[in-house]
N, C-alpha and C. Protein backbone atom coordinates (compact mmCIF):
# COMPACT_ATOMS: atom_id res chain seq x y z
N MET A 1 0.85 -1.17 0.00
CA MET A 1 0.00 0.00 0.00
C MET A 1 0.89 1.22 0.00
N GLN A 2 0.52 2.24 -0.81
CA GLN A 2 1.29 3.47 -0.88
C GLN A 2 0.79 4.43 0.17
N ARG A 3 1.65 5.24 0.80
CA ARG A 3 1.28 6.22 1.82
C ARG A 3 1.52 7.61 1.25
N ALA A 4 0.76 8.57 1.66
CA ALA A 4 0.95 9.96 1.22
C ALA A 4 1.17 10.81 2.45
N ALA A 5 2.11 11.73 2.37
CA ALA A 5 2.35 12.67 3.47
C ALA A 5 1.49 13.90 3.23
N VAL A 6 0.69 14.24 4.20
CA VAL A 6 -0.20 15.39 4.08
C VAL A 6 0.32 16.45 5.03
N PHE A 7 0.53 17.67 4.51
CA PHE A 7 1.01 18.76 5.34
C PHE A 7 -0.14 19.72 5.62
N ARG A 8 -0.31 20.04 6.88
CA ARG A 8 -1.29 21.05 7.25
C ARG A 8 -0.70 22.42 7.03
N GLU A 9 -1.52 23.45 7.24
CA GLU A 9 -1.01 24.80 7.07
C GLU A 9 0.05 25.12 8.11
N ASP A 10 -0.01 24.50 9.29
CA ASP A 10 0.99 24.75 10.32
C ASP A 10 2.25 23.91 10.11
N ALA A 11 2.36 23.20 8.99
CA ALA A 11 3.54 22.45 8.54
C ALA A 11 3.82 21.24 9.39
N THR A 12 2.80 20.67 10.05
CA THR A 12 3.01 19.41 10.76
C THR A 12 2.58 18.27 9.84
N PRO A 13 3.49 17.30 9.57
CA PRO A 13 3.14 16.24 8.61
C PRO A 13 2.17 15.24 9.22
N ARG A 14 1.36 14.66 8.35
CA ARG A 14 0.43 13.62 8.73
C ARG A 14 0.37 12.66 7.55
N THR A 15 0.26 11.43 7.76
CA THR A 15 0.25 10.48 6.64
C THR A 15 -1.14 9.93 6.48
N ALA A 16 -1.49 9.72 5.23
CA ALA A 16 -2.79 9.14 4.92
C ALA A 16 -2.65 8.32 3.65
N ALA A 17 -3.49 7.33 3.49
CA ALA A 17 -3.48 6.52 2.26
C ALA A 17 -4.04 7.35 1.13
N PRO A 18 -3.47 7.27 -0.10
CA PRO A 18 -3.95 8.12 -1.20
C PRO A 18 -5.40 7.90 -1.55
N GLU A 19 -5.91 6.68 -1.34
CA GLU A 19 -7.31 6.45 -1.69
C GLU A 19 -8.26 7.14 -0.70
N LYS A 20 -7.76 7.52 0.50
CA LYS A 20 -8.60 8.19 1.48
C LYS A 20 -8.54 9.70 1.33
N LEU A 21 -7.67 10.23 0.46
CA LEU A 21 -7.61 11.67 0.24
C LEU A 21 -8.81 12.10 -0.60
N PRO A 22 -9.40 13.25 -0.32
CA PRO A 22 -10.55 13.68 -1.11
C PRO A 22 -10.13 14.02 -2.54
N ASN A 23 -10.99 13.68 -3.48
CA ASN A 23 -10.72 13.90 -4.90
C ASN A 23 -10.70 15.37 -5.25
N ARG A 24 -11.31 16.22 -4.46
CA ARG A 24 -11.40 17.64 -4.82
C ARG A 24 -10.04 18.30 -4.83
N TYR A 25 -9.04 17.77 -4.07
CA TYR A 25 -7.71 18.36 -4.06
C TYR A 25 -6.87 17.88 -5.24
N MET A 26 -7.23 16.79 -5.83
CA MET A 26 -6.40 16.21 -6.88
C MET A 26 -6.55 16.94 -8.20
N GLY A 27 -7.72 17.47 -8.52
CA GLY A 27 -7.92 18.04 -9.84
C GLY A 27 -7.68 19.53 -9.93
N ARG A 28 -7.34 20.21 -8.88
CA ARG A 28 -7.20 21.66 -8.92
C ARG A 28 -5.86 22.12 -9.49
N MET A 29 -4.80 21.41 -9.30
CA MET A 29 -3.48 21.82 -9.76
C MET A 29 -2.98 20.79 -10.78
N PRO A 30 -2.07 21.21 -11.62
CA PRO A 30 -1.47 20.20 -12.50
C PRO A 30 -0.81 19.11 -11.64
N ARG A 31 -0.84 17.91 -12.13
CA ARG A 31 -0.35 16.76 -11.36
C ARG A 31 1.09 16.93 -10.90
N GLU A 32 1.94 17.55 -11.72
CA GLU A 32 3.33 17.67 -11.29
C GLU A 32 3.48 18.67 -10.13
N LYS A 33 2.58 19.65 -9.99
CA LYS A 33 2.67 20.56 -8.86
C LYS A 33 1.95 19.98 -7.64
N ALA A 34 0.84 19.35 -7.87
CA ALA A 34 0.03 18.85 -6.77
C ALA A 34 0.68 17.67 -6.09
N ILE A 35 1.28 16.80 -6.81
CA ILE A 35 1.83 15.59 -6.21
C ILE A 35 3.29 15.48 -6.60
N GLU A 36 4.12 15.44 -5.63
CA GLU A 36 5.54 15.20 -5.86
C GLU A 36 5.78 13.75 -5.49
N GLU A 37 6.11 12.95 -6.45
CA GLU A 37 6.25 11.53 -6.17
C GLU A 37 7.64 11.23 -5.67
N GLU A 38 7.71 10.45 -4.67
CA GLU A 38 8.95 9.89 -4.16
C GLU A 38 8.77 8.38 -4.20
N PRO A 39 9.82 7.64 -4.04
CA PRO A 39 9.69 6.20 -4.18
C PRO A 39 8.57 5.59 -3.34
N ASP A 40 8.45 5.98 -2.02
CA ASP A 40 7.42 5.36 -1.17
C ASP A 40 6.31 6.32 -0.80
N ASN A 41 6.49 7.62 -1.00
CA ASN A 41 5.51 8.61 -0.52
C ASN A 41 5.04 9.51 -1.65
N ILE A 42 3.84 9.96 -1.54
CA ILE A 42 3.29 11.00 -2.42
C ILE A 42 2.98 12.19 -1.52
N VAL A 43 3.48 13.39 -1.88
CA VAL A 43 3.25 14.61 -1.10
C VAL A 43 2.11 15.38 -1.76
N VAL A 44 1.04 15.65 -0.98
CA VAL A 44 -0.13 16.37 -1.49
C VAL A 44 -0.32 17.63 -0.63
N PRO A 45 -0.32 18.84 -1.23
CA PRO A 45 -0.57 20.05 -0.43
C PRO A 45 -2.03 20.12 0.01
N VAL A 46 -2.27 20.59 1.24
CA VAL A 46 -3.62 20.73 1.78
C VAL A 46 -4.02 22.19 1.68
N ILE A 47 -5.17 22.44 1.12
CA ILE A 47 -5.67 23.80 0.91
C ILE A 47 -6.72 24.10 1.97
N VAL A 48 -6.63 25.29 2.57
CA VAL A 48 -7.59 25.70 3.59
C VAL A 48 -8.32 26.93 3.09
N GLU A 49 -9.64 26.89 3.16
CA GLU A 49 -10.43 28.06 2.80
C GLU A 49 -10.84 28.78 4.09
N GLU A 50 -10.84 30.11 4.05
CA GLU A 50 -11.27 30.91 5.18
C GLU A 50 -12.43 31.77 4.74
N LEU A 51 -13.29 32.06 5.67
CA LEU A 51 -14.48 32.85 5.37
C LEU A 51 -14.50 34.07 6.28
N ALA A 52 -14.68 35.25 5.73
CA ALA A 52 -14.82 36.48 6.50
C ALA A 52 -16.21 37.03 6.23
N VAL A 53 -17.01 37.17 7.29
CA VAL A 53 -18.39 37.65 7.15
C VAL A 53 -18.45 39.10 7.57
N LYS A 54 -19.00 39.94 6.72
CA LYS A 54 -19.18 41.36 7.02
C LYS A 54 -20.63 41.72 6.72
N THR A 55 -21.11 42.72 7.42
CA THR A 55 -22.47 43.21 7.16
C THR A 55 -22.40 44.67 6.76
N HIS A 56 -23.40 45.09 6.04
CA HIS A 56 -23.52 46.51 5.69
C HIS A 56 -25.01 46.83 5.64
N ARG A 57 -25.30 48.10 5.80
CA ARG A 57 -26.70 48.54 5.85
C ARG A 57 -27.25 48.66 4.43
N VAL A 58 -28.48 48.22 4.30
CA VAL A 58 -29.19 48.33 3.03
C VAL A 58 -30.47 49.10 3.32
N GLU A 59 -30.68 50.17 2.59
CA GLU A 59 -31.89 50.96 2.79
C GLU A 59 -33.06 50.23 2.16
N ARG A 60 -34.03 49.87 2.99
CA ARG A 60 -35.18 49.11 2.51
C ARG A 60 -36.37 50.02 2.25
N GLY A 61 -36.34 51.21 2.80
CA GLY A 61 -37.44 52.15 2.60
C GLY A 61 -37.29 53.31 3.56
N ARG A 62 -38.19 54.28 3.44
CA ARG A 62 -38.18 55.45 4.32
C ARG A 62 -39.60 55.67 4.82
N VAL A 63 -39.69 56.30 5.98
CA VAL A 63 -40.98 56.66 6.54
C VAL A 63 -40.94 58.09 7.03
N GLN A 64 -42.10 58.73 7.01
CA GLN A 64 -42.26 60.05 7.62
C GLN A 64 -43.24 59.89 8.76
N ILE A 65 -42.89 60.49 9.88
CA ILE A 65 -43.74 60.39 11.06
C ILE A 65 -44.27 61.79 11.38
N HIS A 66 -45.60 61.90 11.47
CA HIS A 66 -46.26 63.15 11.83
C HIS A 66 -46.95 62.95 13.17
N LYS A 67 -46.68 63.85 14.11
CA LYS A 67 -47.30 63.77 15.43
C LYS A 67 -48.09 65.04 15.66
N ARG A 68 -49.33 64.87 16.12
CA ARG A 68 -50.16 66.03 16.41
C ARG A 68 -50.95 65.76 17.68
N VAL A 69 -51.46 66.83 18.27
CA VAL A 69 -52.22 66.73 19.51
C VAL A 69 -53.67 67.08 19.21
N GLU A 70 -54.57 66.19 19.59
CA GLU A 70 -56.00 66.44 19.45
C GLU A 70 -56.57 66.74 20.83
N ALA A 71 -57.53 67.66 20.88
CA ALA A 71 -58.16 68.01 22.15
C ALA A 71 -59.67 67.92 21.99
N HIS A 72 -60.34 67.43 23.02
CA HIS A 72 -61.79 67.40 23.02
C HIS A 72 -62.29 67.64 24.44
N GLU A 73 -63.48 68.23 24.51
CA GLU A 73 -64.06 68.54 25.82
C GLU A 73 -64.92 67.38 26.27
N GLU A 74 -64.90 67.17 27.57
CA GLU A 74 -65.71 66.11 28.15
C GLU A 74 -66.27 66.62 29.47
N ILE A 75 -67.49 66.24 29.76
CA ILE A 75 -68.12 66.65 31.02
C ILE A 75 -67.86 65.55 32.04
N VAL A 76 -67.31 65.97 33.18
CA VAL A 76 -66.94 65.02 34.23
C VAL A 76 -67.79 65.30 35.45
N GLN A 77 -68.30 64.24 36.06
CA GLN A 77 -69.08 64.39 37.29
C GLN A 77 -68.15 64.15 38.47
N ILE A 78 -68.06 65.15 39.35
CA ILE A 78 -67.15 65.09 40.50
C ILE A 78 -68.01 65.02 41.77
N PRO A 79 -67.92 63.90 42.51
CA PRO A 79 -68.68 63.84 43.76
C PRO A 79 -67.98 64.68 44.84
N THR A 80 -68.76 65.49 45.54
CA THR A 80 -68.21 66.31 46.63
C THR A 80 -68.95 65.99 47.92
N VAL A 81 -68.25 66.10 49.03
CA VAL A 81 -68.83 65.81 50.34
C VAL A 81 -68.80 67.09 51.17
N CYS A 82 -69.91 67.37 51.79
CA CYS A 82 -70.03 68.55 52.64
C CYS A 82 -70.52 68.09 54.01
N GLU A 83 -69.85 68.55 55.06
CA GLU A 83 -70.30 68.22 56.42
C GLU A 83 -70.79 69.51 57.09
N GLN A 84 -71.90 69.40 57.73
CA GLN A 84 -72.49 70.55 58.42
C GLN A 84 -72.58 70.20 59.90
N VAL A 85 -72.14 71.11 60.75
CA VAL A 85 -72.16 70.89 62.20
C VAL A 85 -73.29 71.72 62.80
N HIS A 86 -74.08 71.05 63.64
CA HIS A 86 -75.20 71.73 64.31
C HIS A 86 -74.92 71.70 65.82
N VAL A 87 -74.90 72.90 66.44
CA VAL A 87 -74.63 73.02 67.87
C VAL A 87 -75.93 73.45 68.55
N GLU A 88 -76.30 72.69 69.58
CA GLU A 88 -77.54 72.98 70.31
C GLU A 88 -77.20 73.08 71.80
N ARG A 89 -77.67 74.13 72.45
CA ARG A 89 -77.42 74.32 73.88
C ARG A 89 -78.74 74.08 74.62
N ILE A 90 -78.70 73.12 75.56
CA ILE A 90 -79.92 72.75 76.30
C ILE A 90 -79.68 73.07 77.79
N PRO A 91 -80.44 74.03 78.35
CA PRO A 91 -80.28 74.31 79.79
C PRO A 91 -80.87 73.18 80.64
N ILE A 92 -80.11 72.77 81.69
CA ILE A 92 -80.55 71.67 82.55
C ILE A 92 -80.82 72.18 83.97
N ASN A 93 -79.88 72.90 84.59
CA ASN A 93 -80.00 73.46 85.94
C ASN A 93 -80.44 72.41 86.96
N LYS A 94 -79.62 71.41 87.13
CA LYS A 94 -79.91 70.31 88.03
C LYS A 94 -78.72 70.13 88.97
N LEU A 95 -78.99 70.02 90.27
CA LEU A 95 -77.93 69.81 91.26
C LEU A 95 -77.44 68.36 91.17
N LEU A 96 -76.11 68.21 91.28
CA LEU A 96 -75.50 66.89 91.16
C LEU A 96 -74.82 66.51 92.45
N ASP A 97 -74.50 65.25 92.59
CA ASP A 97 -73.66 64.80 93.68
C ASP A 97 -72.22 65.20 93.33
N ASP A 98 -71.24 64.73 94.04
CA ASP A 98 -69.84 65.15 93.86
C ASP A 98 -69.22 64.74 92.52
N VAL A 99 -69.85 63.89 91.76
CA VAL A 99 -69.26 63.39 90.50
C VAL A 99 -69.81 64.18 89.32
N ALA A 100 -68.89 64.73 88.52
CA ALA A 100 -69.30 65.48 87.32
C ALA A 100 -69.48 64.49 86.17
N PRO A 101 -70.50 64.67 85.35
CA PRO A 101 -70.68 63.77 84.20
C PRO A 101 -69.57 63.97 83.17
N GLU A 102 -69.28 62.91 82.43
CA GLU A 102 -68.21 62.96 81.42
C GLU A 102 -68.79 63.21 80.03
N VAL A 103 -67.90 63.59 79.13
CA VAL A 103 -68.29 63.78 77.73
C VAL A 103 -68.63 62.40 77.16
N HIS A 104 -69.76 62.30 76.45
CA HIS A 104 -70.17 61.03 75.85
C HIS A 104 -70.91 61.27 74.54
N GLU A 105 -71.20 60.16 73.85
CA GLU A 105 -71.85 60.26 72.54
C GLU A 105 -73.10 59.39 72.56
N GLU A 106 -74.21 59.94 72.05
CA GLU A 106 -75.48 59.22 71.95
C GLU A 106 -76.02 59.40 70.53
N ASN A 107 -76.19 58.30 69.82
CA ASN A 107 -76.78 58.30 68.46
C ASN A 107 -76.08 59.27 67.52
N GLY A 108 -74.75 59.30 67.57
CA GLY A 108 -73.99 60.16 66.68
C GLY A 108 -73.93 61.61 67.12
N VAL A 109 -74.43 61.90 68.31
CA VAL A 109 -74.43 63.27 68.84
C VAL A 109 -73.45 63.32 70.00
N LEU A 110 -72.49 64.25 69.96
CA LEU A 110 -71.51 64.42 71.02
C LEU A 110 -72.12 65.33 72.09
N ILE A 111 -72.13 64.84 73.33
CA ILE A 111 -72.74 65.60 74.43
C ILE A 111 -71.62 66.02 75.39
N ILE A 112 -71.50 67.35 75.59
CA ILE A 112 -70.49 67.92 76.49
C ILE A 112 -71.23 68.59 77.65
N PRO A 113 -71.15 68.01 78.84
CA PRO A 113 -71.83 68.65 79.97
C PRO A 113 -71.00 69.83 80.51
N LEU A 114 -71.66 70.93 80.85
CA LEU A 114 -71.02 72.10 81.45
C LEU A 114 -71.49 72.20 82.90
N VAL A 115 -70.55 72.25 83.82
CA VAL A 115 -70.92 72.32 85.24
C VAL A 115 -70.38 73.61 85.84
N GLU A 116 -70.98 74.02 86.92
CA GLU A 116 -70.47 75.17 87.67
C GLU A 116 -70.74 74.94 89.15
N GLU A 117 -69.95 75.56 89.96
CA GLU A 117 -70.17 75.47 91.41
C GLU A 117 -71.12 76.58 91.83
N VAL A 118 -72.05 76.20 92.68
CA VAL A 118 -73.00 77.19 93.20
C VAL A 118 -72.87 77.21 94.73
N LEU A 119 -73.10 78.36 95.30
CA LEU A 119 -72.97 78.52 96.74
C LEU A 119 -74.32 78.23 97.39
N THR A 120 -74.33 77.22 98.16
CA THR A 120 -75.50 76.85 98.95
C THR A 120 -74.99 76.64 100.37
N PRO A 121 -75.82 76.33 101.30
CA PRO A 121 -75.27 76.06 102.63
C PRO A 121 -74.19 74.99 102.57
N GLU A 122 -74.17 74.25 101.52
CA GLU A 122 -73.10 73.28 101.28
C GLU A 122 -72.69 73.37 99.81
N ASN A 123 -71.45 73.03 99.52
CA ASN A 123 -70.99 73.10 98.12
C ASN A 123 -71.45 71.85 97.37
N ARG A 124 -72.13 72.11 96.26
CA ARG A 124 -72.59 71.03 95.40
C ARG A 124 -72.42 71.46 93.95
N LEU A 125 -72.41 70.48 93.06
CA LEU A 125 -72.32 70.76 91.63
C LEU A 125 -73.72 70.84 91.04
N MET A 126 -73.85 71.77 90.11
CA MET A 126 -75.12 71.89 89.42
C MET A 126 -74.85 71.77 87.91
N LEU A 127 -75.56 70.88 87.26
CA LEU A 127 -75.46 70.74 85.80
C LEU A 127 -76.26 71.89 85.21
N ARG A 128 -75.51 72.84 84.70
CA ARG A 128 -76.14 74.05 84.21
C ARG A 128 -76.77 73.84 82.85
N GLU A 129 -76.00 73.26 81.91
CA GLU A 129 -76.54 73.00 80.57
C GLU A 129 -75.72 71.91 79.88
N GLU A 130 -76.25 71.41 78.81
CA GLU A 130 -75.55 70.45 77.96
C GLU A 130 -75.40 71.07 76.58
N VAL A 131 -74.23 70.88 76.02
CA VAL A 131 -74.01 71.32 74.64
C VAL A 131 -74.02 70.06 73.79
N ARG A 132 -74.89 70.01 72.81
CA ARG A 132 -75.00 68.85 71.92
C ARG A 132 -74.51 69.24 70.53
N ILE A 133 -73.55 68.47 70.07
CA ILE A 133 -72.96 68.74 68.75
C ILE A 133 -73.24 67.54 67.86
N SER A 134 -73.86 67.80 66.74
CA SER A 134 -74.13 66.72 65.78
C SER A 134 -73.63 67.15 64.40
N LYS A 135 -73.30 66.13 63.57
CA LYS A 135 -72.80 66.40 62.22
C LYS A 135 -73.76 65.77 61.22
N ARG A 136 -73.96 66.46 60.13
CA ARG A 136 -74.71 65.92 59.00
C ARG A 136 -73.79 65.92 57.79
N ARG A 137 -73.85 64.85 57.06
CA ARG A 137 -72.98 64.71 55.88
C ARG A 137 -73.85 64.66 54.63
N PHE A 138 -73.50 65.52 53.68
CA PHE A 138 -74.23 65.58 52.42
C PHE A 138 -73.27 65.28 51.28
N GLU A 139 -73.73 64.50 50.34
CA GLU A 139 -72.94 64.25 49.13
C GLU A 139 -73.66 64.86 47.95
N THR A 140 -72.93 65.64 47.18
CA THR A 140 -73.48 66.23 45.97
C THR A 140 -72.56 65.91 44.81
N VAL A 141 -73.09 65.99 43.62
CA VAL A 141 -72.32 65.73 42.41
C VAL A 141 -72.23 67.03 41.62
N THR A 142 -71.01 67.45 41.30
CA THR A 142 -70.77 68.67 40.54
C THR A 142 -70.28 68.28 39.15
N CYS A 143 -70.81 68.92 38.14
CA CYS A 143 -70.39 68.64 36.76
C CYS A 143 -69.48 69.77 36.29
N ARG A 144 -68.37 69.38 35.63
CA ARG A 144 -67.43 70.37 35.10
C ARG A 144 -67.00 69.95 33.71
N LYS A 145 -66.69 70.96 32.89
CA LYS A 145 -66.13 70.70 31.57
C LYS A 145 -64.62 70.61 31.69
N VAL A 146 -64.05 69.56 31.12
CA VAL A 146 -62.62 69.34 31.18
C VAL A 146 -62.12 69.11 29.76
N VAL A 147 -60.97 69.71 29.42
CA VAL A 147 -60.37 69.50 28.10
C VAL A 147 -59.35 68.37 28.22
N LEU A 148 -59.58 67.32 27.43
CA LEU A 148 -58.67 66.18 27.41
C LEU A 148 -57.87 66.21 26.12
N ARG A 149 -56.56 65.96 26.22
CA ARG A 149 -55.68 65.96 25.05
C ARG A 149 -55.11 64.56 24.85
N ARG A 150 -54.85 64.24 23.58
CA ARG A 150 -54.16 62.99 23.28
C ARG A 150 -53.30 63.19 22.04
N GLU A 151 -52.22 62.46 21.99
CA GLU A 151 -51.30 62.55 20.85
C GLU A 151 -51.66 61.49 19.83
N VAL A 152 -51.60 61.88 18.56
CA VAL A 152 -51.89 60.97 17.45
C VAL A 152 -50.65 60.95 16.54
N VAL A 153 -50.22 59.76 16.15
CA VAL A 153 -49.04 59.62 15.30
C VAL A 153 -49.49 59.01 13.97
N GLU A 154 -49.08 59.63 12.88
CA GLU A 154 -49.35 59.10 11.54
C GLU A 154 -48.02 58.72 10.91
N ILE A 155 -47.95 57.52 10.35
CA ILE A 155 -46.73 57.05 9.70
C ILE A 155 -47.02 56.88 8.21
N VAL A 156 -46.21 57.58 7.38
CA VAL A 156 -46.36 57.51 5.93
C VAL A 156 -45.12 56.82 5.36
N ARG A 157 -45.33 55.69 4.69
CA ARG A 157 -44.20 54.96 4.07
C ARG A 157 -43.92 55.54 2.69
N GLN A 158 -42.64 55.67 2.38
CA GLN A 158 -42.27 56.23 1.06
C GLN A 158 -41.62 55.16 0.23
């Protein structure tokens, strides 16, 4: 069997049988350049292809962009809350024992007792009056005109 010495681009020899060499290398050069025959070896140069990939921009089209602002009026309902405070003074004029009543709440009404000392043959407290404070809450809806804006974009292909 005949052996062929195959040289890589880095010049390191490798041997291979000639029938295992690809046919594409045999027909590219004249036989006397491609194969140098020696008594036991055939020398075949190995060709290496390199690929360099580059990109470039290709204009595929153009566009024009137009932006504008549109405005329209809209009526908006705004709920509003109003609280009204009602103060009522109720005279009581009642003598109490040594304990003064405390501030308390009955049915959503805040009751503040007012006491004073009165001179009698003995000192006692008299509930002079009560102040009653109550709140009423009203909800109303107010309508207002509001201008709303929005941007619109138009794209025109050329």
